[in-house]
Amino acid sequence: MRNKLSRRQILTGSAALGGAVAAGLPATASAAALVTGTRAEPKPAGKPLPVFKGATVKPSDPRYPDLVDGWNGRFAGTPDYVRVVGSTEQVERALADALHAGKRIATRSGGHCFENFWNSSDIKVEIDMSAMNSIYFDPAFRAFVVEPGARLRDVNNSLFIDYGVSLPAGICLDVGVGGHFCGGGYGILARINGIVPDHMYGVEVVTVDKTGTPRTVIATREGNDPNQDLFWAHTGGGGGNFGIVTRYLMRTPGATGNDPSLLLPKPPAKQRVITYAWPWPMPLSTFTAIVEGYLQWHQDNSQPGSRFAGLFAQLSCLHVSSSPVLPLTIVVDPTAPGSDQLVDDFVSAVIKPITLAATPAGDTSYPWLQFTEFYGPTDSGNFVGWRNKSKGSYMRESYTATQIAAMYRSLTDTSISTPRAAVLFGGYGCQVNTVAPDATAVAQRDSMNKPIYTVYWDDPSQDDLFIGWIRNLYQQVHSDTGGVPTLNGISDGSYINYPDIDMTDPVWNTSGVPWYTLYYKDNYPRLQEVKAKWDPLNVFHHALSVQPPA
């Protein structure tokens, strides 16, 4: 049967799961490992010479507002000009021109950014990568090339229609690849396929050496690659840190042969989406039972090898002004052996024990691409240009009753009213946790859930109200650990693609744990070494960027 609830009621806020930082970074090259001033040779097979010659867009140009006004309406840049680039050579020239003029640069891939990493007031040149959006197979590398300006919808469609493969990337289709991939991007398939960096083979990056000269570098995961450290830094180190990625090379480790259809994971042919909904608001005791049951199930069933790896479940804890229901959505491959039993077991453990009856709100199977369109709201529509503040965390264990009560107080606080305010819990773990913490720059490899705290509003005069609301919510949930998700057993820090500059503020982070440890744990010193080597002049920086060693 078709969903009884509207799509927005069920999925409200879900687009933020797996969202990306549009800090600008992406992809690959061909044979040479390091080049200065020109693109590596030979050109990848099947890749035509770029016909787009680039553009310089100044404030008088009608294109300027669209290029400097971000997805997050809180921020709008005022650069002297925007360079829209269509090739690696154009990126090099744009960088050289800006550096020669002594102007601070930032890069934008065209998607989302929760903070003002690419459009703060001190940025004078914006390099826009949105025209570099090709997706193709490069036989020289036996890898798929994904350029930074591509959106996740493009990735889904191109990889699946052309080759029958996919990447375990995020669900919000308007997210740009540029920051999503290098920040540790993940999505609904993470429990069974891991995260995006787990399938990365290489990157092509325009760096700036100590003389201020742009250089194009190809870095791969090969152990004998002299640039392997630069590759590693892009497997979760975040955008805007080391250079401008112009191509990502994607191939799953261990994949053999030359058949592109065998070099990345195959998505399910179909996805079954089952939704239950409880009336909201509800008593604290009932809310606690729902959240505890959902999180405990993930704590018990997110280890590597779990028979539940193919089941994803999202619990959307919405503000009372955002929805009259509290939905729980289950996603499973209906063609997989035993999938019905997985759903029945989940329902028996998480939904049936709740004394308040949940209403079945939908149970429909969709072909893969239709599913991505159904489940992956573009975060456009109702919320383009809205103001946003978001925060995240990794979870190892269920929240305590005290933490859940703090969440409940904020979600039932009638001092705010908005179409979207929520704590969105997304399943994680399983295959993600088979990778060592230092194998990629993503150090959090024993988590079971990945919540995002988020709120949207459209009136600038209410900034203090809504930012204050989410700060209080987050601080109260983590009150025993200094207002942030420290590495205390329950939490395991936070996710750099959900950047939050409050982590740097001693008013909101009283834990004594520095922001960089919360995001990168023990991998941060290694990231600093890469920074010192590949960006010695600290050309690429923002409020949460990797800092050179002291």
Foldseek 3Di string as FASTA:
>chain_A
DAFPDDLCQFQVPVQCALFFAQQFAAAFAFPDFWFFLDGDDDGFPPDDDDPDPKDKAAPVHPCQQVVFCAQALVFGAHARIEIEDQDPNSVQVLQLVCVVVVFFETEGLQAHRQDCQHGDHRHHYYYYDLNLADWDAGLNVLWIKGFQNHFQLNQVVCCCVVQQFHFQFDLQRRHTNGFSQLQFGGYQLCLPANTNLQFFFWWWFFFAAPVRHTIIGIEGCDPPRPRPLVRQCSRRVTHLFFGHTGITTGFHPPFDDNRSNRGHHRDFQKKKKWKWKFFPDDDLVLLLLQQQQVQQVLLVAFEAPGPCSQKKKKWKAAAVLQHRITMIMIMGRPVDPPGVVSVVVSCVRRQVVRPRHIHTRGIDMDGDSVVSPSNHHNCPVPRRSWHKAKFKFFFNGGQDSQLSVLLVCLSHDPPDHDNGWTKMKIFHHHVNLVDDLSSHQNNPRRTTIMIMTMDTDHDPVCVCVVVVSSLSSQQSSCVVQQSFQDCDNGTQAHGVRNDDLCQQPCVRGVRPDHNCCSHRNPCLVSSLVSSCRRHVVRSRDGSPYRHHDD
